[in-house]
């Protein structure tokens, strides 16, 4: 996969998050195009996502497995809370 022409809405892909935007969304790339991923903001992590809206130069996606993502965020919050207590 290299271009937006090769991606379809509803398609599930794996994407590595390379940055975060001001809305807290993860940003990944496919070729020269950007994929903005809701609720996936860990830079360097790869996520399995579903394309929900495609535009000419970018697309919007959301995590395919929202349940495990929520558990991951809860574990991260718990870990952060424990670090702050010490």
C-alpha atoms as a PDB file:
ATOM      1  CA  UNK A   1       0.000   0.000   0.000  1.00  0.00           C
ATOM      2  CA  UNK A   2       1.503   3.273  -1.014  1.00  0.00           C
ATOM      3  CA  UNK A   3      -1.217   5.701  -2.072  1.00  0.00           C
ATOM      4  CA  UNK A   4      -4.681   6.784  -0.978  1.00  0.00           C
ATOM      5  CA  UNK A   5      -6.067   5.335  -4.238  1.00  0.00           C
ATOM      6  CA  UNK A   6      -5.277   1.883  -2.876  1.00  0.00           C
ATOM      7  CA  UNK A   7      -7.207   2.358   0.388  1.00  0.00           C
ATOM      8  CA  UNK A   8     -10.974   1.974   0.702  1.00  0.00           C
ATOM      9  CA  UNK A   9     -13.340   3.133   3.441  1.00  0.00           C
ATOM     10  CA  UNK A  10     -14.053   0.229   5.759  1.00  0.00           C
ATOM     11  CA  UNK A  11     -10.701  -1.406   5.051  1.00  0.00           C
ATOM     12  CA  UNK A  12      -8.681  -2.650   8.024  1.00  0.00           C
ATOM     13  CA  UNK A  13      -4.933  -1.948   8.006  1.00  0.00           C
ATOM     14  CA  UNK A  14      -1.974  -1.948  10.390  1.00  0.00           C
ATOM     15  CA  UNK A  15      -0.369   1.433  10.850  1.00  0.00           C
ATOM     16  CA  UNK A  16       2.491   2.729  12.978  1.00  0.00           C
ATOM     17  CA  UNK A  17       1.886   6.006  14.811  1.00  0.00           C
ATOM     18  CA  UNK A  18       4.670   8.484  14.038  1.00  0.00           C
ATOM     19  CA  UNK A  19       3.274  11.628  15.700  1.00  0.00           C
ATOM     20  CA  UNK A  20       0.322  13.166  17.557  1.00  0.00           C
ATOM     21  CA  UNK A  21      -1.790  16.134  16.487  1.00  0.00           C
ATOM     22  CA  UNK A  22      -3.242  18.867  18.727  1.00  0.00           C
ATOM     23  CA  UNK A  23      -6.516  16.914  19.015  1.00  0.00           C
ATOM     24  CA  UNK A  24      -4.626  13.980  20.544  1.00  0.00           C
ATOM     25  CA  UNK A  25      -5.083  11.759  17.499  1.00  0.00           C
ATOM     26  CA  UNK A  26      -2.293   9.513  16.346  1.00  0.00           C
ATOM     27  CA  UNK A  27      -0.796  10.223  12.922  1.00  0.00           C
ATOM     28  CA  UNK A  28       0.505   7.514  10.621  1.00  0.00           C
ATOM     29  CA  UNK A  29       1.564   7.493   6.982  1.00  0.00           C
ATOM     30  CA  UNK A  30       0.883   5.445   3.915  1.00  0.00           C
ATOM     31  CA  UNK A  31       3.236   6.631   1.211  1.00  0.00           C
ATOM     32  CA  UNK A  32       2.844  10.412   1.016  1.00  0.00           C
ATOM     33  CA  UNK A  33      -0.602  10.376   2.656  1.00  0.00           C
ATOM     34  CA  UNK A  34      -1.482  10.774   6.327  1.00  0.00           C
ATOM     35  CA  UNK A  35      -3.869   8.659   8.394  1.00  0.00           C
ATOM     36  CA  UNK A  36      -5.344  10.328  11.492  1.00  0.00           C
ATOM     37  CA  UNK A  37      -6.290   7.700  14.084  1.00  0.00           C
ATOM     38  CA  UNK A  38      -8.718   8.455  16.892  1.00  0.00           C
ATOM     39  CA  UNK A  39      -7.751   7.202  20.388  1.00  0.00           C
ATOM     40  CA  UNK A  40      -4.386   5.821  19.229  1.00  0.00           C
ATOM     41  CA  UNK A  41      -1.768   8.260  20.413  1.00  0.00           C
ATOM     42  CA  UNK A  42       1.236   6.152  21.480  1.00  0.00           C
ATOM     43  CA  UNK A  43       4.061   7.241  19.202  1.00  0.00           C
ATOM     44  CA  UNK A  44       6.004   4.271  17.846  1.00  0.00           C
ATOM     45  CA  UNK A  45       3.204   1.769  18.454  1.00  0.00           C
ATOM     46  CA  UNK A  46       1.502  -0.135  15.644  1.00  0.00           C
ATOM     47  CA  UNK A  47      -2.295  -0.355  15.667  1.00  0.00           C
ATOM     48  CA  UNK A  48      -4.851  -2.309  13.665  1.00  0.00           C
ATOM     49  CA  UNK A  49      -7.316   0.334  12.422  1.00  0.00           C
ATOM     50  CA  UNK A  50     -10.387   0.654  10.206  1.00  0.00           C
ATOM     51  CA  UNK A  51     -10.557   3.501   7.679  1.00  0.00           C
ATOM     52  CA  UNK A  52     -13.800   5.364   8.387  1.00  0.00           C
ATOM     53  CA  UNK A  53     -13.424   8.321   5.998  1.00  0.00           C
ATOM     54  CA  UNK A  54     -11.125   8.807   3.037  1.00  0.00           C
ATOM     55  CA  UNK A  55     -10.165  12.099   1.421  1.00  0.00           C
ATOM     56  CA  UNK A  56      -7.824  12.906  -1.455  1.00  0.00           C
ATOM     57  CA  UNK A  57      -4.654  13.336   0.629  1.00  0.00           C
ATOM     58  CA  UNK A  58      -5.543  11.862   4.032  1.00  0.00           C
ATOM     59  CA  UNK A  59      -7.885   9.479   5.821  1.00  0.00           C
ATOM     60  CA  UNK A  60      -9.474   9.157   9.247  1.00  0.00           C
ATOM     61  CA  UNK A  61      -9.386   5.832  11.060  1.00  0.00           C
ATOM     62  CA  UNK A  62     -10.359   4.327  14.373  1.00  0.00           C
ATOM     63  CA  UNK A  63      -8.967   1.330  16.244  1.00  0.00           C
ATOM     64  CA  UNK A  64     -10.372  -1.998  15.117  1.00  0.00           C
ATOM     65  CA  UNK A  65     -10.278  -3.496  18.606  1.00  0.00           C
ATOM     66  CA  UNK A  66     -11.640  -0.728  20.837  1.00  0.00           C
ATOM     67  CA  UNK A  67     -12.124  -3.017  23.842  1.00  0.00           C
ATOM     68  CA  UNK A  68      -8.470  -4.028  24.169  1.00  0.00           C
ATOM     69  CA  UNK A  69      -7.440  -0.418  23.504  1.00  0.00           C
ATOM     70  CA  UNK A  70      -9.613   0.737  26.425  1.00  0.00           C
ATOM     71  CA  UNK A  71      -8.019  -1.885  28.691  1.00  0.00           C
ATOM     72  CA  UNK A  72      -4.570  -0.725  27.595  1.00  0.00           C
ATOM     73  CA  UNK A  73      -5.431   2.899  28.430  1.00  0.00           C
ATOM     74  CA  UNK A  74      -6.819   1.870  31.840  1.00  0.00           C
ATOM     75  CA  UNK A  75      -3.575   0.005  32.614  1.00  0.00           C
ATOM     76  CA  UNK A  76      -1.540   3.036  31.542  1.00  0.00           C
ATOM     77  CA  UNK A  77      -3.645   5.356  33.754  1.00  0.00           C
ATOM     78  CA  UNK A  78      -3.278   2.974  36.704  1.00  0.00           C
ATOM     79  CA  UNK A  79       0.482   2.822  36.175  1.00  0.00           C
ATOM     80  CA  UNK A  80       0.704   6.634  35.984  1.00  0.00           C
ATOM     81  CA  UNK A  81      -1.377   7.084  39.146  1.00  0.00           C
ATOM     82  CA  UNK A  82       0.886   4.701  41.053  1.00  0.00           C
ATOM     83  CA  UNK A  83       3.988   6.533  39.866  1.00  0.00           C
ATOM     84  CA  UNK A  84       2.603   9.856  41.072  1.00  0.00           C
ATOM     85  CA  UNK A  85       1.835   8.506  44.560  1.00  0.00           C
ATOM     86  CA  UNK A  86       5.439   7.475  45.259  1.00  0.00           C
END
